PDB file of N, CA and C in Angstrom:
ATOM      1  N   MET A   1     -32.797 -36.550 -16.210  1.00  0.00           N
ATOM      2  CA  MET A   1     -32.000 -36.882 -16.685  1.00  0.00           C
ATOM      3  C   MET A   1     -30.474 -36.981 -16.336  1.00  0.00           C
ATOM      4  N   THR A   2     -29.479 -37.903 -16.361  1.00  0.00           N
ATOM      5  CA  THR A   2     -28.129 -37.914 -15.927  1.00  0.00           C
ATOM      6  C   THR A   2     -27.568 -37.576 -17.366  1.00  0.00           C
ATOM      7  N   PRO A   3     -25.919 -37.177 -16.980  1.00  0.00           N
ATOM      8  CA  PRO A   3     -25.360 -36.405 -17.935  1.00  0.00           C
ATOM      9  C   PRO A   3     -25.410 -37.632 -19.241  1.00  0.00           C
ATOM     10  N   GLN A   4     -25.200 -38.788 -18.932  1.00  0.00           N
ATOM     11  CA  GLN A   4     -25.098 -40.213 -20.049  1.00  0.00           C
ATOM     12  C   GLN A   4     -26.448 -40.288 -20.998  1.00  0.00           C
ATOM     13  N   GLU A   5     -27.518 -40.109 -19.812  1.00  0.00           N
ATOM     14  CA  GLU A   5     -28.783 -39.955 -20.407  1.00  0.00           C
ATOM     15  C   GLU A   5     -28.660 -38.825 -21.529  1.00  0.00           C
ATOM     16  N   ILE A   6     -28.401 -37.771 -21.077  1.00  0.00           N
ATOM     17  CA  ILE A   6     -28.610 -36.500 -22.212  1.00  0.00           C
ATOM     18  C   ILE A   6     -27.581 -36.832 -23.564  1.00  0.00           C
ATOM     19  N   ASP A   7     -26.730 -37.239 -23.210  1.00  0.00           N
ATOM     20  CA  ASP A   7     -25.559 -37.490 -24.052  1.00  0.00           C
ATOM     21  C   ASP A   7     -25.978 -38.363 -25.552  1.00  0.00           C
ATOM     22  N   GLU A   8     -26.511 -39.745 -24.699  1.00  0.00           N
ATOM     23  CA  GLU A   8     -27.488 -40.717 -25.501  1.00  0.00           C
ATOM     24  C   GLU A   8     -28.574 -39.642 -26.411  1.00  0.00           C
ATOM     25  N   HIS A   9     -29.351 -39.468 -25.696  1.00  0.00           N
ATOM     26  CA  HIS A   9     -30.409 -38.864 -26.221  1.00  0.00           C
ATOM     27  C   HIS A   9     -30.232 -37.197 -27.196  1.00  0.00           C
ATOM     28  N   LYS A  10     -28.930 -36.523 -27.282  1.00  0.00           N
ATOM     29  CA  LYS A  10     -28.679 -35.908 -28.282  1.00  0.00           C
ATOM     30  C   LYS A  10     -27.815 -36.775 -29.782  1.00  0.00           C
ATOM     31  N   ARG A  11     -27.380 -37.853 -29.212  1.00  0.00           N
ATOM     32  CA  ARG A  11     -26.816 -38.542 -30.401  1.00  0.00           C
ATOM     33  C   ARG A  11     -27.760 -39.086 -30.729  1.00  0.00           C
ATOM     34  N   VAL A  12     -29.139 -39.917 -30.543  1.00  0.00           N
ATOM     35  CA  VAL A  12     -29.777 -39.744 -30.912  1.00  0.00           C
ATOM     36  C   VAL A  12     -30.393 -39.377 -32.329  1.00  0.00           C
ATOM     37  N   TRP A  13     -30.936 -37.793 -31.886  1.00  0.00           N
ATOM     38  CA  TRP A  13     -31.974 -37.317 -32.518  1.00  0.00           C
ATOM     39  C   TRP A  13     -30.577 -36.301 -33.724  1.00  0.00           C
ATOM     40  N   ARG A  14     -29.174 -36.191 -33.327  1.00  0.00           N
ATOM     41  CA  ARG A  14     -28.283 -35.647 -33.782  1.00  0.00           C
ATOM     42  C   ARG A  14     -28.022 -36.462 -34.958  1.00  0.00           C
ATOM     43  N   MET A  15     -28.531 -37.559 -35.271  1.00  0.00           N
ATOM     44  CA  MET A  15     -28.054 -38.532 -36.013  1.00  0.00           C
ATOM     45  C   MET A  15     -28.823 -38.392 -37.128  1.00  0.00           C
ATOM     46  N   GLY A  16     -30.369 -38.068 -36.932  1.00  0.00           N
ATOM     47  CA  GLY A  16     -31.459 -37.910 -38.176  1.00  0.00           C
ATOM     48  C   GLY A  16     -30.894 -36.631 -38.753  1.00  0.00           C
ATOM     49  N   THR A  17     -32.220 -35.453 -38.737  1.00  0.00           N
ATOM     50  CA  THR A  17     -32.144 -34.819 -39.627  1.00  0.00           C
ATOM     51  C   THR A  17     -32.491 -33.155 -38.325  1.00  0.00           C
ATOM     52  N   PRO A  18     -31.235 -32.784 -37.627  1.00  0.00           N
ATOM     53  CA  PRO A  18     -31.872 -31.561 -36.566  1.00  0.00           C
ATOM     54  C   PRO A  18     -32.355 -30.559 -37.393  1.00  0.00           C
ATOM     55  N   PHE A  19     -32.956 -29.334 -36.655  1.00  0.00           N
ATOM     56  CA  PHE A  19     -33.226 -28.471 -37.062  1.00  0.00           C
ATOM     57  C   PHE A  19     -32.260 -27.621 -36.969  1.00  0.00           C
ATOM     58  N   VAL A  20     -31.451 -26.790 -37.939  1.00  0.00           N
ATOM     59  CA  VAL A  20     -30.309 -25.933 -37.516  1.00  0.00           C
ATOM     60  C   VAL A  20     -30.106 -24.994 -37.913  1.00  0.00           C
ATOM     61  N   SER A  21     -30.189 -23.737 -37.417  1.00  0.00           N
ATOM     62  CA  SER A  21     -29.668 -22.061 -37.561  1.00  0.00           C
ATOM     63  C   SER A  21     -28.780 -21.656 -37.086  1.00  0.00           C
ATOM     64  N   SER A  22     -27.904 -20.592 -38.135  1.00  0.00           N
ATOM     65  CA  SER A  22     -26.893 -20.275 -37.744  1.00  0.00           C
ATOM     66  C   SER A  22     -26.782 -19.174 -37.475  1.00  0.00           C
ATOM     67  N   THR A  23     -25.989 -18.960 -36.396  1.00  0.00           N
ATOM     68  CA  THR A  23     -25.996 -17.406 -36.019  1.00  0.00           C
ATOM     69  C   THR A  23     -24.452 -16.984 -36.023  1.00  0.00           C
ATOM     70  N   HIS A  24     -24.256 -15.491 -35.623  1.00  0.00           N
ATOM     71  CA  HIS A  24     -23.143 -14.844 -35.306  1.00  0.00           C
ATOM     72  C   HIS A  24     -22.363 -15.230 -33.661  1.00  0.00           C
ATOM     73  N   SER A  25     -21.560 -15.130 -33.881  1.00  0.00           N
ATOM     74  CA  SER A  25     -20.312 -15.795 -32.637  1.00  0.00           C
ATOM     75  C   SER A  25     -20.482 -14.854 -32.164  1.00  0.00           C
ATOM     76  N   ASP A  26     -20.644 -13.478 -32.271  1.00  0.00           N
ATOM     77  CA  ASP A  26     -20.619 -12.157 -31.328  1.00  0.00           C
ATOM     78  C   ASP A  26     -21.941 -12.213 -30.203  1.00  0.00           C
ATOM     79  N   LEU A  27     -23.081 -13.145 -30.757  1.00  0.00           N
ATOM     80  CA  LEU A  27     -24.263 -13.262 -29.873  1.00  0.00           C
ATOM     81  C   LEU A  27     -24.481 -14.909 -29.034  1.00  0.00           C
ATOM     82  N   ARG A  28     -23.347 -14.767 -29.109  1.00  0.00           N
ATOM     83  CA  ARG A  28     -23.288 -16.635 -28.765  1.00  0.00           C
ATOM     84  C   ARG A  28     -23.837 -16.696 -27.092  1.00  0.00           C
ATOM     85  N   ASN A  29     -23.645 -15.853 -26.256  1.00  0.00           N
ATOM     86  CA  ASN A  29     -23.945 -15.792 -24.935  1.00  0.00           C
ATOM     87  C   ASN A  29     -25.685 -15.517 -25.005  1.00  0.00           C
ATOM     88  N   ASP A  30     -26.150 -14.552 -25.708  1.00  0.00           N
ATOM     89  CA  ASP A  30     -27.627 -14.469 -25.999  1.00  0.00           C
ATOM     90  C   ASP A  30     -28.264 -15.670 -26.256  1.00  0.00           C
ATOM     91  N   CYS A  31     -27.661 -16.458 -27.539  1.00  0.00           N
ATOM     92  CA  CYS A  31     -28.283 -17.525 -28.105  1.00  0.00           C
ATOM     93  C   CYS A  31     -28.117 -18.702 -27.180  1.00  0.00           C
ATOM     94  N   ILE A  32     -27.215 -18.681 -25.866  1.00  0.00           N
ATOM     95  CA  ILE A  32     -27.211 -20.114 -25.246  1.00  0.00           C
ATOM     96  C   ILE A  32     -27.935 -19.681 -24.271  1.00  0.00           C
ATOM     97  N   GLU A  33     -28.142 -18.489 -23.612  1.00  0.00           N
ATOM     98  CA  GLU A  33     -29.494 -18.504 -23.047  1.00  0.00           C
ATOM     99  C   GLU A  33     -30.756 -18.170 -22.868  1.00  0.00           C
ATOM    100  N   TRP A  34     -31.283 -18.032 -24.495  1.00  0.00           N
ATOM    101  CA  TRP A  34     -32.396 -18.088 -25.161  1.00  0.00           C
ATOM    102  C   TRP A  34     -32.922 -19.897 -24.815  1.00  0.00           C
ATOM    103  N   CYS A  35     -31.621 -20.490 -25.136  1.00  0.00           N
ATOM    104  CA  CYS A  35     -31.946 -21.989 -25.344  1.00  0.00           C
ATOM    105  C   CYS A  35     -32.154 -22.573 -23.833  1.00  0.00           C
ATOM    106  N   LYS A  36     -31.044 -22.265 -22.799  1.00  0.00           N
ATOM    107  CA  LYS A  36     -31.512 -22.340 -21.490  1.00  0.00           C
ATOM    108  C   LYS A  36     -32.900 -22.490 -20.988  1.00  0.00           C
ATOM    109  N   GLU A  37     -33.183 -21.310 -21.375  1.00  0.00           N
ATOM    110  CA  GLU A  37     -34.700 -20.832 -21.078  1.00  0.00           C
ATOM    111  C   GLU A  37     -35.978 -21.443 -21.457  1.00  0.00           C
ATOM    112  N   ASN A  38     -35.493 -21.947 -22.617  1.00  0.00           N
ATOM    113  CA  ASN A  38     -36.322 -22.356 -23.413  1.00  0.00           C
ATOM    114  C   ASN A  38     -36.755 -23.924 -23.922  1.00  0.00           C
ATOM    115  N   CYS A  39     -35.378 -24.428 -23.689  1.00  0.00           N
ATOM    116  CA  CYS A  39     -35.502 -25.673 -24.056  1.00  0.00           C
ATOM    117  C   CYS A  39     -34.872 -26.383 -22.883  1.00  0.00           C
ATOM    118  N   GLU A  40     -35.161 -27.906 -23.176  1.00  0.00           N
ATOM    119  CA  GLU A  40     -34.617 -28.604 -21.765  1.00  0.00           C
ATOM    120  C   GLU A  40     -33.168 -29.273 -22.360  1.00  0.00           C
ATOM    121  N   GLN A  41     -32.435 -29.455 -21.826  1.00  0.00           N
ATOM    122  CA  GLN A  41     -30.676 -29.505 -21.682  1.00  0.00           C
ATOM    123  C   GLN A  41     -30.655 -30.609 -22.776  1.00  0.00           C
ATOM    124  N   GLN A  42     -31.350 -31.206 -23.087  1.00  0.00           N
ATOM    125  CA  GLN A  42     -31.188 -32.259 -24.110  1.00  0.00           C
ATOM    126  C   GLN A  42     -31.493 -31.837 -25.690  1.00  0.00           C
ATOM    127  N   GLN A  43     -32.338 -31.337 -25.741  1.00  0.00           N
ATOM    128  CA  GLN A  43     -33.320 -30.789 -26.747  1.00  0.00           C
ATOM    129  C   GLN A  43     -32.389 -29.842 -27.603  1.00  0.00           C
ATOM    130  N   TRP A  44     -31.150 -29.337 -27.565  1.00  0.00           N
ATOM    131  CA  TRP A  44     -30.821 -28.615 -28.154  1.00  0.00           C
ATOM    132  C   TRP A  44     -29.107 -28.412 -28.168  1.00  0.00           C
ATOM    133  N   ASP A  45     -28.378 -28.176 -29.332  1.00  0.00           N
ATOM    134  CA  ASP A  45     -26.833 -28.400 -29.340  1.00  0.00           C
ATOM    135  C   ASP A  45     -26.195 -27.285 -29.611  1.00  0.00           C
ATOM    136  N   MET A  46     -25.388 -26.436 -29.823  1.00  0.00           N
ATOM    137  CA  MET A  46     -24.596 -25.497 -30.277  1.00  0.00           C
ATOM    138  C   MET A  46     -23.058 -26.038 -30.594  1.00  0.00           C
ATOM    139  N   LYS A  47     -22.636 -25.618 -31.780  1.00  0.00           N
ATOM    140  CA  LYS A  47     -21.323 -26.077 -32.377  1.00  0.00           C
ATOM    141  C   LYS A  47     -20.759 -24.524 -32.719  1.00  0.00           C
ATOM    142  N   ILE A  48     -19.770 -24.307 -32.251  1.00  0.00           N
ATOM    143  CA  ILE A  48     -19.083 -23.107 -32.431  1.00  0.00           C
ATOM    144  C   ILE A  48     -18.344 -22.694 -33.235  1.00  0.00           C
ATOM    145  N   PHE A  49     -18.164 -21.767 -33.996  1.00  0.00           N
ATOM    146  CA  PHE A  49     -17.446 -21.154 -35.333  1.00  0.00           C
ATOM    147  C   PHE A  49     -17.200 -22.719 -36.096  1.00  0.00           C
ATOM    148  N   THR A  50     -18.442 -22.718 -36.715  1.00  0.00           N
ATOM    149  CA  THR A  50     -18.863 -23.319 -37.725  1.00  0.00           C
ATOM    150  C   THR A  50     -18.758 -22.722 -38.955  1.00  0.00           C
ATOM    151  N   ASP A  51     -18.303 -20.901 -38.849  1.00  0.00           N
ATOM    152  CA  ASP A  51     -17.826 -20.645 -39.969  1.00  0.00           C
ATOM    153  C   ASP A  51     -17.042 -19.165 -39.477  1.00  0.00           C
ATOM    154  N   ILE A  52     -16.629 -18.229 -40.458  1.00  0.00           N
ATOM    155  CA  ILE A  52     -16.202 -17.841 -39.517  1.00  0.00           C
ATOM    156  C   ILE A  52     -17.409 -16.633 -39.242  1.00  0.00           C
ATOM    157  N   TYR A  53     -16.945 -16.464 -37.839  1.00  0.00           N
ATOM    158  CA  TYR A  53     -17.747 -15.503 -36.969  1.00  0.00           C
ATOM    159  C   TYR A  53     -18.913 -15.767 -36.616  1.00  0.00           C
ATOM    160  N   GLY A  54     -19.210 -18.007 -37.179  1.00  0.00           N
ATOM    161  CA  GLY A  54     -20.896 -18.055 -37.188  1.00  0.00           C
ATOM    162  C   GLY A  54     -20.370 -19.309 -35.920  1.00  0.00           C
ATOM    163  N   ASP A  55     -21.605 -19.526 -35.336  1.00  0.00           N
ATOM    164  CA  ASP A  55     -21.811 -20.502 -34.295  1.00  0.00           C
ATOM    165  C   ASP A  55     -23.127 -21.472 -35.525  1.00  0.00           C
ATOM    166  N   THR A  56     -23.519 -22.940 -34.859  1.00  0.00           N
ATOM    167  CA  THR A  56     -24.496 -23.252 -35.552  1.00  0.00           C
ATOM    168  C   THR A  56     -25.476 -23.764 -34.228  1.00  0.00           C
ATOM    169  N   VAL A  57     -26.513 -23.541 -34.329  1.00  0.00           N
ATOM    170  CA  VAL A  57     -27.523 -24.501 -33.074  1.00  0.00           C
ATOM    171  C   VAL A  57     -28.284 -25.063 -33.438  1.00  0.00           C
ATOM    172  N   ARG A  58     -28.557 -26.549 -32.991  1.00  0.00           N
ATOM    173  CA  ARG A  58     -28.972 -27.394 -33.534  1.00  0.00           C
ATOM    174  C   ARG A  58     -30.120 -27.723 -32.624  1.00  0.00           C
ATOM    175  N   PHE A  59     -31.278 -27.919 -32.920  1.00  0.00           N
ATOM    176  CA  PHE A  59     -32.888 -28.653 -32.482  1.00  0.00           C
ATOM    177  C   PHE A  59     -33.394 -29.756 -32.431  1.00  0.00           C
ATOM    178  N   GLU A  60     -33.809 -30.255 -31.535  1.00  0.00           N
ATOM    179  CA  GLU A  60     -34.402 -31.575 -31.986  1.00  0.00           C
ATOM    180  C   GLU A  60     -36.073 -31.189 -32.521  1.00  0.00           C
ATOM    181  N   LEU A  61     -36.487 -30.420 -32.177  1.00  0.00           N
ATOM    182  CA  LEU A  61     -38.003 -29.931 -31.986  1.00  0.00           C
ATOM    183  C   LEU A  61     -38.321 -28.630 -32.878  1.00  0.00           C
ATOM    184  N   GLU A  62     -38.679 -28.822 -33.920  1.00  0.00           N
ATOM    185  CA  GLU A  62     -39.188 -27.768 -35.147  1.00  0.00           C
ATOM    186  C   GLU A  62     -39.808 -26.640 -34.218  1.00  0.00           C
ATOM    187  N   ASN A  63     -40.580 -26.877 -33.327  1.00  0.00           N
ATOM    188  CA  ASN A  63     -41.139 -25.254 -32.405  1.00  0.00           C
ATOM    189  C   ASN A  63     -40.039 -24.721 -31.796  1.00  0.00           C
ATOM    190  N   HIS A  64     -39.582 -25.111 -31.362  1.00  0.00           N
ATOM    191  CA  HIS A  64     -38.037 -24.373 -30.361  1.00  0.00           C
ATOM    192  C   HIS A  64     -37.043 -24.218 -31.795  1.00  0.00           C
ATOM    193  N   PHE A  65     -37.066 -24.347 -33.141  1.00  0.00           N
ATOM    194  CA  PHE A  65     -35.991 -23.916 -34.083  1.00  0.00           C
ATOM    195  C   PHE A  65     -37.138 -22.622 -34.388  1.00  0.00           C
ATOM    196  N   VAL A  66     -38.290 -23.064 -34.714  1.00  0.00           N
ATOM    197  CA  VAL A  66     -38.957 -21.673 -35.226  1.00  0.00           C
ATOM    198  C   VAL A  66     -38.997 -20.377 -34.339  1.00  0.00           C
ATOM    199  N   GLU A  67     -39.514 -20.831 -33.192  1.00  0.00           N
ATOM    200  CA  GLU A  67     -39.327 -19.572 -31.877  1.00  0.00           C
ATOM    201  C   GLU A  67     -38.129 -19.334 -31.910  1.00  0.00           C
ATOM    202  N   PHE A  68     -37.018 -19.690 -31.888  1.00  0.00           N
ATOM    203  CA  PHE A  68     -35.554 -19.459 -32.131  1.00  0.00           C
ATOM    204  C   PHE A  68     -35.238 -18.185 -33.182  1.00  0.00           C
ATOM    205  N   ASN A  69     -35.806 -18.567 -34.289  1.00  0.00           N
ATOM    206  CA  ASN A  69     -35.158 -17.782 -35.167  1.00  0.00           C
ATOM    207  C   ASN A  69     -36.454 -16.925 -35.349  1.00  0.00           C
ATOM    208  N   LYS A  70     -37.293 -16.872 -34.401  1.00  0.00           N
ATOM    209  CA  LYS A  70     -38.515 -15.254 -34.781  1.00  0.00           C
ATOM    210  C   LYS A  70     -37.623 -14.608 -33.348  1.00  0.00           C
ATOM    211  N   TRP A  71     -36.848 -15.154 -32.110  1.00  0.00           N
ATOM    212  CA  TRP A  71     -36.300 -14.532 -31.771  1.00  0.00           C
ATOM    213  C   TRP A  71     -35.163 -13.519 -32.316  1.00  0.00           C
ATOM    214  N   TYR A  72     -34.352 -14.721 -32.675  1.00  0.00           N
ATOM    215  CA  TYR A  72     -32.919 -14.335 -33.553  1.00  0.00           C
ATOM    216  C   TYR A  72     -33.019 -13.275 -34.454  1.00  0.00           C
ATOM    217  N   LYS A  73     -34.071 -13.572 -35.015  1.00  0.00           N
ATOM    218  CA  LYS A  73     -34.216 -12.340 -36.261  1.00  0.00           C
ATOM    219  C   LYS A  73     -34.726 -11.325 -35.412  1.00  0.00           C
ATOM    220  N   HIS A  74     -35.265 -10.819 -34.724  1.00  0.00           N
ATOM    221  CA  HIS A  74     -35.771  -9.741 -33.585  1.00  0.00           C
ATOM    222  C   HIS A  74     -34.794  -9.127 -33.244  1.00  0.00           C
ATOM    223  N   LEU A  75     -33.697  -9.799 -32.479  1.00  0.00           N
ATOM    224  CA  LEU A  75     -32.455  -9.673 -32.187  1.00  0.00           C
ATOM    225  C   LEU A  75     -31.506  -8.985 -32.840  1.00  0.00           C
ATOM    226  N   LEU A  76     -31.200  -9.284 -33.973  1.00  0.00           N
ATOM    227  CA  LEU A  76     -30.839  -8.378 -34.980  1.00  0.00           C
ATOM    228  C   LEU A  76     -31.420  -7.562 -35.869  1.00  0.00           C
ATOM    229  N   PHE A  77     -32.592  -7.135 -35.372  1.00  0.00           N
ATOM    230  CA  PHE A  77     -33.055  -5.792 -35.837  1.00  0.00           C
ATOM    231  C   PHE A  77     -33.444  -4.862 -35.313  1.00  0.00           C
TER     232      PHE A  77
END
């Protein structure tokens, strides 16, 4: 996909009801790496500093959301 196609695709699913996960900003790089390894570029999005020391990761697909949360929970403990 071209960068324009990726942007358009993201815009469409973000306008709906994306699957949202809150993360700690200290783990941002780990979260980005997970997303890059497990999702296509157009299937996830990260907003940084949406809360104090917090970021928000949004997913187009529920299965990515579920797998990410399993991985993230394991990362914390």
